[in-house]
Amino acid sequence: MEHAALTNNEIDILTKQCLNIGEAMYCAGAEISRIEDTLYRLGKAYGAEHVSIYALTSSIVVTMEFPGEAAMTQSRRIRRRDSFDLKKLEDLNSLSRECTAQLLPVEELRRRVLAILEEQPKQSMILLGEILAASAFAVFFGGTLFDMLAAAAFACCIYLLQRYVQPLCQGRIFFNIITSFLVGSMICGVCRLIPVLHAGQIMIGDIMVLIPGIAITNSMRYVLSGDSISGLEKLIDSVLLAGGIAVGFTLAIYFVA
């Protein structure tokens, strides 16, 4: 299959969009191996002779070499950690498959990628998911109907903190400590006023909203698949986040319960 020669400007745009796709896929929940494979296939589809993709949980480096052109290398530092967005991940996968099957002009690829990046999940669905998770785990661990309702109410508080306070915090560990302490203090205070409620079951339900369970699972998958650096980095990050949650709730129990 012959490829139309790309100009230097088009190569620059293509490389930037590969970084955008890789970052968005990681933040949406894709594993490192899938990101590297997707970007490699995308570069090859556009006629690159050599494509080198090096992805970690904190950065992505893309190097492409086209016939008659010098190799171009660009990198992207990944600082943000979004919640899992399978809809965005599916859109990016569909776009990459479409490009490999029938090549899109570079400008069209850029427009499509930016359109996907601008999509935002419905906040109502995020809130509903957190309410369902907190209330279901509260009942699963032996809570009553009242505990379930209380866990759902405090899950709304966690959602509000995530929506309006988390962007102001420099790191998620600090945010988890603050959120866990505030929510834990409110749970302990309410349970002292309403003895029919069980603080332990309510806390367990709301802890599940914050705990990075999928991230811990992915870190082990990275290690088993050979991405040891990414796996260990993600594991350490997940353990620290979980530790922040434990510290926050422990302080709340110590000072308020």
C-alpha atoms as a PDB file:
ATOM      1  CA  MET A   1       0.000   0.000   0.000  1.00  0.00           C
ATOM      2  CA  GLU A   2       1.452   3.336  -1.059  1.00  0.00           C
ATOM      3  CA  HIS A   3       1.226   6.362   1.173  1.00  0.00           C
ATOM      4  CA  ALA A   4       1.096   9.980   0.132  1.00  0.00           C
ATOM      5  CA  ALA A   5       4.209  11.809   1.291  1.00  0.00           C
ATOM      6  CA  LEU A   6       3.559  13.928   4.336  1.00  0.00           C
ATOM      7  CA  THR A   7       4.966  17.405   4.781  1.00  0.00           C
ATOM      8  CA  ASN A   8       6.959  18.351   7.862  1.00  0.00           C
ATOM      9  CA  ASN A   9       3.923  20.207   9.199  1.00  0.00           C
ATOM     10  CA  GLU A  10       1.709  17.148   8.712  1.00  0.00           C
ATOM     11  CA  ILE A  11       4.273  14.922  10.420  1.00  0.00           C
ATOM     12  CA  ASP A  12       4.334  17.331  13.359  1.00  0.00           C
ATOM     13  CA  ILE A  13       0.517  17.277  13.563  1.00  0.00           C
ATOM     14  CA  LEU A  14       0.437  13.475  13.316  1.00  0.00           C
ATOM     15  CA  THR A  15       2.993  13.081  16.105  1.00  0.00           C
ATOM     16  CA  LYS A  16       1.065  15.472  18.365  1.00  0.00           C
ATOM     17  CA  GLN A  17      -2.186  13.617  17.738  1.00  0.00           C
ATOM     18  CA  CYS A  18      -0.487  10.327  18.576  1.00  0.00           C
ATOM     19  CA  LEU A  19       0.502  11.858  21.914  1.00  0.00           C
ATOM     20  CA  ASN A  20      -3.059  13.109  22.413  1.00  0.00           C
ATOM     21  CA  ILE A  21      -4.457   9.668  21.650  1.00  0.00           C
ATOM     22  CA  GLY A  22      -1.968   7.933  23.925  1.00  0.00           C
ATOM     23  CA  GLU A  23      -2.586  10.274  26.840  1.00  0.00           C
ATOM     24  CA  ALA A  24      -6.364  10.073  26.439  1.00  0.00           C
ATOM     25  CA  MET A  25      -6.274   6.277  26.210  1.00  0.00           C
ATOM     26  CA  TYR A  26      -4.206   6.012  29.385  1.00  0.00           C
ATOM     27  CA  CYS A  27      -6.462   8.399  31.294  1.00  0.00           C
ATOM     28  CA  ALA A  28      -9.508   6.484  30.032  1.00  0.00           C
ATOM     29  CA  GLY A  29      -8.156   3.216  31.430  1.00  0.00           C
ATOM     30  CA  ALA A  30      -6.175   1.571  28.602  1.00  0.00           C
ATOM     31  CA  GLU A  31      -3.191  -0.598  29.448  1.00  0.00           C
ATOM     32  CA  ILE A  32       0.312   0.413  28.370  1.00  0.00           C
ATOM     33  CA  SER A  33       0.697  -2.383  25.810  1.00  0.00           C
ATOM     34  CA  ARG A  34      -2.507  -1.349  24.038  1.00  0.00           C
ATOM     35  CA  ILE A  35      -1.368   2.277  23.885  1.00  0.00           C
ATOM     36  CA  GLU A  36       2.005   1.342  22.389  1.00  0.00           C
ATOM     37  CA  ASP A  37       0.439  -1.036  19.867  1.00  0.00           C
ATOM     38  CA  THR A  38      -2.218   1.492  18.787  1.00  0.00           C
ATOM     39  CA  LEU A  39       0.268   4.315  18.232  1.00  0.00           C
ATOM     40  CA  TYR A  40       2.690   1.990  16.433  1.00  0.00           C
ATOM     41  CA  ARG A  41      -0.003   0.839  14.005  1.00  0.00           C
ATOM     42  CA  LEU A  42      -1.151   4.416  13.479  1.00  0.00           C
ATOM     43  CA  GLY A  43       2.349   5.599  12.580  1.00  0.00           C
ATOM     44  CA  LYS A  44       2.857   2.681  10.201  1.00  0.00           C
ATOM     45  CA  ALA A  45      -0.501   3.362   8.557  1.00  0.00           C
ATOM     46  CA  TYR A  46       0.649   6.866   7.662  1.00  0.00           C
ATOM     47  CA  GLY A  47       3.818   5.561   6.047  1.00  0.00           C
ATOM     48  CA  ALA A  48       6.471   5.851   8.758  1.00  0.00           C
ATOM     49  CA  GLU A  49       9.459   3.577   8.131  1.00  0.00           C
ATOM     50  CA  HIS A  50      10.364   3.354  11.798  1.00  0.00           C
ATOM     51  CA  VAL A  51       8.035   3.941  14.736  1.00  0.00           C
ATOM     52  CA  SER A  52       9.201   3.815  18.326  1.00  0.00           C
ATOM     53  CA  ILE A  53       6.702   4.220  21.156  1.00  0.00           C
ATOM     54  CA  TYR A  54       7.794   4.270  24.773  1.00  0.00           C
ATOM     55  CA  ALA A  55       4.927   4.688  27.222  1.00  0.00           C
ATOM     56  CA  LEU A  56       4.958   4.842  30.997  1.00  0.00           C
ATOM     57  CA  THR A  57       2.282   5.775  33.479  1.00  0.00           C
ATOM     58  CA  SER A  58       3.843   9.248  33.710  1.00  0.00           C
ATOM     59  CA  SER A  59       5.031   9.958  30.155  1.00  0.00           C
ATOM     60  CA  ILE A  60       4.817   8.974  26.494  1.00  0.00           C
ATOM     61  CA  VAL A  61       7.640   9.314  23.944  1.00  0.00           C
ATOM     62  CA  VAL A  62       6.867   8.991  20.220  1.00  0.00           C
ATOM     63  CA  THR A  63       9.561   8.796  17.519  1.00  0.00           C
ATOM     64  CA  MET A  64       8.661   8.541  13.825  1.00  0.00           C
ATOM     65  CA  GLU A  65      10.932   8.406  10.815  1.00  0.00           C
ATOM     66  CA  PHE A  66       9.436   8.929   7.347  1.00  0.00           C
ATOM     67  CA  PRO A  67      11.164   8.287   4.001  1.00  0.00           C
ATOM     68  CA  GLY A  68      13.426  11.184   3.121  1.00  0.00           C
ATOM     69  CA  GLU A  69      12.741  12.986   6.399  1.00  0.00           C
ATOM     70  CA  ALA A  70      14.662  13.251   9.646  1.00  0.00           C
ATOM     71  CA  ALA A  71      13.266  11.360  12.603  1.00  0.00           C
ATOM     72  CA  MET A  72      10.837  13.378  14.713  1.00  0.00           C
ATOM     73  CA  THR A  73      10.563  12.793  18.446  1.00  0.00           C
ATOM     74  CA  GLN A  74       8.011  14.307  20.789  1.00  0.00           C
ATOM     75  CA  SER A  75       7.203  13.506  24.398  1.00  0.00           C
ATOM     76  CA  ARG A  76       4.287  14.175  26.713  1.00  0.00           C
ATOM     77  CA  ARG A  77       4.320  14.315  30.508  1.00  0.00           C
ATOM     78  CA  ILE A  78       1.154  12.805  31.977  1.00  0.00           C
ATOM     79  CA  ARG A  79       0.133  14.397  35.239  1.00  0.00           C
ATOM     80  CA  ARG A  80      -3.618  14.003  35.379  1.00  0.00           C
ATOM     81  CA  ARG A  81      -5.409  10.823  36.348  1.00  0.00           C
ATOM     82  CA  ASP A  82      -8.992  10.692  35.115  1.00  0.00           C
ATOM     83  CA  SER A  83     -11.600   8.158  36.091  1.00  0.00           C
ATOM     84  CA  PHE A  84     -12.122   5.262  33.720  1.00  0.00           C
ATOM     85  CA  ASP A  85     -14.073   6.281  30.613  1.00  0.00           C
ATOM     86  CA  LEU A  86     -14.814   3.242  28.467  1.00  0.00           C
ATOM     87  CA  LYS A  87     -16.886   5.327  26.024  1.00  0.00           C
ATOM     88  CA  LYS A  88     -13.903   7.560  25.200  1.00  0.00           C
ATOM     89  CA  LEU A  89     -11.612   4.527  25.011  1.00  0.00           C
ATOM     90  CA  GLU A  90     -13.939   2.833  22.531  1.00  0.00           C
ATOM     91  CA  ASP A  91     -14.131   6.001  20.403  1.00  0.00           C
ATOM     92  CA  LEU A  92     -10.336   6.239  20.256  1.00  0.00           C
ATOM     93  CA  ASN A  93     -10.002   2.552  19.384  1.00  0.00           C
ATOM     94  CA  SER A  94     -12.603   2.912  16.631  1.00  0.00           C
ATOM     95  CA  LEU A  95     -10.795   5.938  15.209  1.00  0.00           C
ATOM     96  CA  SER A  96      -7.430   4.159  15.147  1.00  0.00           C
ATOM     97  CA  ARG A  97      -8.961   1.104  13.457  1.00  0.00           C
ATOM     98  CA  GLU A  98     -10.639   3.356  10.897  1.00  0.00           C
ATOM     99  CA  CYS A  99      -7.309   5.041  10.114  1.00  0.00           C
ATOM    100  CA  THR A 100      -5.510   1.756   9.591  1.00  0.00           C
ATOM    101  CA  ALA A 101      -8.310   0.463   7.343  1.00  0.00           C
ATOM    102  CA  GLN A 102      -8.850   3.642   5.306  1.00  0.00           C
ATOM    103  CA  LEU A 103      -6.357   6.441   5.834  1.00  0.00           C
ATOM    104  CA  LEU A 104      -7.754   9.802   6.925  1.00  0.00           C
ATOM    105  CA  PRO A 105      -6.132  13.119   6.010  1.00  0.00           C
ATOM    106  CA  VAL A 106      -3.952  14.366   8.864  1.00  0.00           C
ATOM    107  CA  GLU A 107      -6.139  17.425   9.409  1.00  0.00           C
ATOM    108  CA  GLU A 108      -9.235  15.215   9.556  1.00  0.00           C
ATOM    109  CA  LEU A 109      -7.483  12.976  12.100  1.00  0.00           C
ATOM    110  CA  ARG A 110      -6.651  16.039  14.176  1.00  0.00           C
ATOM    111  CA  ARG A 111     -10.250  17.250  14.065  1.00  0.00           C
ATOM    112  CA  ARG A 112     -11.630  13.844  15.044  1.00  0.00           C
ATOM    113  CA  VAL A 113      -9.162  13.410  17.907  1.00  0.00           C
ATOM    114  CA  LEU A 114      -9.887  16.859  19.352  1.00  0.00           C
ATOM    115  CA  ALA A 115     -13.633  16.190  19.106  1.00  0.00           C
ATOM    116  CA  ILE A 116     -13.225  12.994  21.146  1.00  0.00           C
ATOM    117  CA  LEU A 117     -11.038  14.751  23.718  1.00  0.00           C
ATOM    118  CA  GLU A 118     -13.680  17.432  24.211  1.00  0.00           C
ATOM    119  CA  GLU A 119     -16.320  14.849  25.113  1.00  0.00           C
ATOM    120  CA  GLN A 120     -17.063  14.804  28.826  1.00  0.00           C
ATOM    121  CA  PRO A 121     -18.883  12.071  30.733  1.00  0.00           C
ATOM    122  CA  LYS A 122     -22.271  12.980  32.140  1.00  0.00           C
ATOM    123  CA  GLN A 123     -21.873  14.127  35.727  1.00  0.00           C
ATOM    124  CA  SER A 124     -25.263  12.647  36.587  1.00  0.00           C
ATOM    125  CA  MET A 125     -24.012   9.184  35.609  1.00  0.00           C
ATOM    126  CA  ILE A 126     -20.850   9.587  37.693  1.00  0.00           C
ATOM    127  CA  LEU A 127     -22.939  10.608  40.701  1.00  0.00           C
ATOM    128  CA  LEU A 128     -25.328   7.702  40.153  1.00  0.00           C
ATOM    129  CA  GLY A 129     -22.432   5.260  39.936  1.00  0.00           C
ATOM    130  CA  GLU A 130     -20.912   6.473  43.202  1.00  0.00           C
ATOM    131  CA  ILE A 131     -24.282   6.298  44.968  1.00  0.00           C
ATOM    132  CA  LEU A 132     -24.876   2.741  43.751  1.00  0.00           C
ATOM    133  CA  ALA A 133     -21.367   1.631  44.711  1.00  0.00           C
ATOM    134  CA  ALA A 134     -21.475   3.111  48.219  1.00  0.00           C
ATOM    135  CA  SER A 135     -24.973   1.874  49.041  1.00  0.00           C
ATOM    136  CA  ALA A 136     -24.401  -1.617  47.593  1.00  0.00           C
ATOM    137  CA  PHE A 137     -21.135  -2.179  49.497  1.00  0.00           C
ATOM    138  CA  ALA A 138     -22.680  -0.882  52.717  1.00  0.00           C
ATOM    139  CA  VAL A 139     -25.388  -3.553  52.473  1.00  0.00           C
ATOM    140  CA  PHE A 140     -22.916  -6.201  51.260  1.00  0.00           C
ATOM    141  CA  PHE A 141     -20.831  -5.780  54.413  1.00  0.00           C
ATOM    142  CA  GLY A 142     -23.793  -6.184  56.733  1.00  0.00           C
ATOM    143  CA  GLY A 143     -25.376  -2.733  56.784  1.00  0.00           C
ATOM    144  CA  THR A 144     -29.076  -2.083  57.192  1.00  0.00           C
ATOM    145  CA  LEU A 145     -31.422  -0.158  54.922  1.00  0.00           C
ATOM    146  CA  PHE A 146     -30.701   2.991  56.933  1.00  0.00           C
ATOM    147  CA  ASP A 147     -26.958   2.415  56.546  1.00  0.00           C
ATOM    148  CA  MET A 148     -27.448   2.073  52.799  1.00  0.00           C
ATOM    149  CA  LEU A 149     -29.298   5.386  52.604  1.00  0.00           C
ATOM    150  CA  ALA A 150     -26.682   7.097  54.745  1.00  0.00           C
ATOM    151  CA  ALA A 151     -23.849   5.711  52.611  1.00  0.00           C
ATOM    152  CA  ALA A 152     -25.618   7.014  49.504  1.00  0.00           C
ATOM    153  CA  ALA A 153     -25.965  10.476  51.069  1.00  0.00           C
ATOM    154  CA  PHE A 154     -22.286  10.644  52.013  1.00  0.00           C
ATOM    155  CA  ALA A 155     -21.366   9.405  48.521  1.00  0.00           C
ATOM    156  CA  CYS A 156     -23.011  12.609  47.271  1.00  0.00           C
ATOM    157  CA  CYS A 157     -20.683  14.563  49.572  1.00  0.00           C
ATOM    158  CA  ILE A 158     -17.681  12.710  48.132  1.00  0.00           C
ATOM    159  CA  TYR A 159     -18.870  13.528  44.609  1.00  0.00           C
ATOM    160  CA  LEU A 160     -19.132  17.230  45.449  1.00  0.00           C
ATOM    161  CA  LEU A 161     -15.630  17.213  46.915  1.00  0.00           C
ATOM    162  CA  GLN A 162     -14.280  15.441  43.837  1.00  0.00           C
ATOM    163  CA  ARG A 163     -16.024  17.911  41.550  1.00  0.00           C
ATOM    164  CA  TYR A 164     -15.086  21.172  43.263  1.00  0.00           C
ATOM    165  CA  VAL A 165     -12.184  20.520  45.672  1.00  0.00           C
ATOM    166  CA  GLN A 166     -10.028  17.979  43.852  1.00  0.00           C
ATOM    167  CA  PRO A 167      -9.068  20.416  41.037  1.00  0.00           C
ATOM    168  CA  LEU A 168      -7.631  22.717  43.726  1.00  0.00           C
ATOM    169  CA  CYS A 169      -5.377  20.019  45.202  1.00  0.00           C
ATOM    170  CA  GLN A 170      -1.927  19.420  43.765  1.00  0.00           C
ATOM    171  CA  GLY A 171      -1.995  15.686  44.411  1.00  0.00           C
ATOM    172  CA  ARG A 172      -4.647  13.024  44.858  1.00  0.00           C
ATOM    173  CA  ILE A 173      -2.999  11.715  48.032  1.00  0.00           C
ATOM    174  CA  PHE A 174      -3.567  15.026  49.800  1.00  0.00           C
ATOM    175  CA  PHE A 175      -7.113  15.146  48.430  1.00  0.00           C
ATOM    176  CA  ASN A 176      -7.846  11.604  49.642  1.00  0.00           C
ATOM    177  CA  ILE A 177      -6.668  12.471  53.154  1.00  0.00           C
ATOM    178  CA  ILE A 178      -8.857  15.594  53.282  1.00  0.00           C
ATOM    179  CA  THR A 179     -11.904  13.867  51.784  1.00  0.00           C
ATOM    180  CA  SER A 180     -11.602  10.790  53.982  1.00  0.00           C
ATOM    181  CA  PHE A 181     -11.191  12.892  57.115  1.00  0.00           C
ATOM    182  CA  LEU A 182     -14.146  15.179  56.318  1.00  0.00           C
ATOM    183  CA  VAL A 183     -16.490  12.388  55.268  1.00  0.00           C
ATOM    184  CA  GLY A 184     -15.346  10.134  58.106  1.00  0.00           C
ATOM    185  CA  SER A 185     -15.923  12.919  60.621  1.00  0.00           C
ATOM    186  CA  MET A 186     -19.421  13.543  59.269  1.00  0.00           C
ATOM    187  CA  ILE A 187     -20.232   9.833  59.396  1.00  0.00           C
ATOM    188  CA  CYS A 188     -19.031   9.518  62.994  1.00  0.00           C
ATOM    189  CA  GLY A 189     -20.918  12.663  64.002  1.00  0.00           C
ATOM    190  CA  VAL A 190     -24.184  11.569  62.400  1.00  0.00           C
ATOM    191  CA  CYS A 191     -23.923   8.060  63.864  1.00  0.00           C
ATOM    192  CA  ARG A 192     -23.490   9.535  67.353  1.00  0.00           C
ATOM    193  CA  LEU A 193     -26.681  11.543  66.844  1.00  0.00           C
ATOM    194  CA  ILE A 194     -28.590   8.640  65.260  1.00  0.00           C
ATOM    195  CA  PRO A 195     -27.661   5.437  67.142  1.00  0.00           C
ATOM    196  CA  VAL A 196     -29.567   3.218  64.688  1.00  0.00           C
ATOM    197  CA  LEU A 197     -26.822   3.830  62.096  1.00  0.00           C
ATOM    198  CA  HIS A 198     -23.627   1.775  61.987  1.00  0.00           C
ATOM    199  CA  ALA A 199     -20.541   3.863  61.262  1.00  0.00           C
ATOM    200  CA  GLY A 200     -18.394   0.908  60.189  1.00  0.00           C
ATOM    201  CA  GLN A 201     -20.705  -0.282  57.412  1.00  0.00           C
ATOM    202  CA  ILE A 202     -21.301   3.259  56.159  1.00  0.00           C
ATOM    203  CA  MET A 203     -17.563   3.972  56.060  1.00  0.00           C
ATOM    204  CA  ILE A 204     -16.855   0.749  54.192  1.00  0.00           C
ATOM    205  CA  GLY A 205     -19.422   1.653  51.559  1.00  0.00           C
ATOM    206  CA  ASP A 206     -17.974   5.131  51.048  1.00  0.00           C
ATOM    207  CA  ILE A 207     -14.372   3.916  51.130  1.00  0.00           C
ATOM    208  CA  MET A 208     -15.160   1.832  48.048  1.00  0.00           C
ATOM    209  CA  VAL A 209     -15.933   5.019  46.131  1.00  0.00           C
ATOM    210  CA  LEU A 210     -12.394   6.298  46.756  1.00  0.00           C
ATOM    211  CA  ILE A 211     -10.295   3.136  46.783  1.00  0.00           C
ATOM    212  CA  PRO A 212      -8.208   2.680  43.566  1.00  0.00           C
ATOM    213  CA  GLY A 213      -9.142  -0.974  43.109  1.00  0.00           C
ATOM    214  CA  ILE A 214      -8.923  -1.096  39.312  1.00  0.00           C
ATOM    215  CA  ALA A 215      -5.605   0.750  39.373  1.00  0.00           C
ATOM    216  CA  ILE A 216      -4.122  -1.834  41.735  1.00  0.00           C
ATOM    217  CA  THR A 217      -5.365  -4.648  39.490  1.00  0.00           C
ATOM    218  CA  ASN A 218      -3.911  -2.966  36.404  1.00  0.00           C
ATOM    219  CA  SER A 219      -0.545  -2.523  38.112  1.00  0.00           C
ATOM    220  CA  MET A 220      -0.285  -6.270  38.662  1.00  0.00           C
ATOM    221  CA  ARG A 221      -1.335  -6.896  35.074  1.00  0.00           C
ATOM    222  CA  TYR A 222       1.420  -4.551  33.875  1.00  0.00           C
ATOM    223  CA  VAL A 223       4.027  -6.463  35.887  1.00  0.00           C
ATOM    224  CA  LEU A 224       2.815  -9.848  34.631  1.00  0.00           C
ATOM    225  CA  SER A 225       2.796  -8.640  31.004  1.00  0.00           C
ATOM    226  CA  GLY A 226       6.390  -7.406  31.233  1.00  0.00           C
ATOM    227  CA  ASP A 227       5.823  -3.667  31.774  1.00  0.00           C
ATOM    228  CA  SER A 228       7.612  -3.779  35.128  1.00  0.00           C
ATOM    229  CA  ILE A 229       8.425  -0.063  35.437  1.00  0.00           C
ATOM    230  CA  SER A 230       4.861   1.031  34.663  1.00  0.00           C
ATOM    231  CA  GLY A 231       3.442  -1.679  36.917  1.00  0.00           C
ATOM    232  CA  LEU A 232       5.604  -0.793  39.913  1.00  0.00           C
ATOM    233  CA  GLU A 233       5.004   2.930  39.428  1.00  0.00           C
ATOM    234  CA  LYS A 234       1.241   2.434  39.298  1.00  0.00           C
ATOM    235  CA  LEU A 235       1.323   0.033  42.244  1.00  0.00           C
ATOM    236  CA  ILE A 236       3.216   2.531  44.412  1.00  0.00           C
ATOM    237  CA  ASP A 237       0.843   5.305  43.370  1.00  0.00           C
ATOM    238  CA  SER A 238      -2.198   3.142  44.173  1.00  0.00           C
ATOM    239  CA  VAL A 239      -0.823   2.066  47.558  1.00  0.00           C
ATOM    240  CA  LEU A 240      -0.123   5.689  48.496  1.00  0.00           C
ATOM    241  CA  LEU A 241      -3.649   6.703  47.464  1.00  0.00           C
ATOM    242  CA  ALA A 242      -5.116   3.877  49.532  1.00  0.00           C
ATOM    243  CA  GLY A 243      -2.865   4.894  52.430  1.00  0.00           C
ATOM    244  CA  GLY A 244      -4.204   8.454  52.227  1.00  0.00           C
ATOM    245  CA  ILE A 245      -7.757   7.118  52.516  1.00  0.00           C
ATOM    246  CA  ALA A 246      -6.803   5.001  55.531  1.00  0.00           C
ATOM    247  CA  VAL A 247      -5.093   7.948  57.231  1.00  0.00           C
ATOM    248  CA  GLY A 248      -8.095  10.217  56.708  1.00  0.00           C
ATOM    249  CA  PHE A 249     -10.671   7.803  58.094  1.00  0.00           C
ATOM    250  CA  THR A 250      -8.376   6.795  60.971  1.00  0.00           C
ATOM    251  CA  LEU A 251      -7.975  10.425  62.034  1.00  0.00           C
ATOM    252  CA  ALA A 252     -11.741  10.916  61.813  1.00  0.00           C
ATOM    253  CA  ILE A 253     -12.392   7.885  64.036  1.00  0.00           C
ATOM    254  CA  TYR A 254      -9.700   8.992  66.492  1.00  0.00           C
ATOM    255  CA  PHE A 255     -10.903  12.581  66.883  1.00  0.00           C
ATOM    256  CA  VAL A 256     -14.669  12.293  66.395  1.00  0.00           C
ATOM    257  CA  ALA A 257     -15.873   8.769  67.195  1.00  0.00           C
END
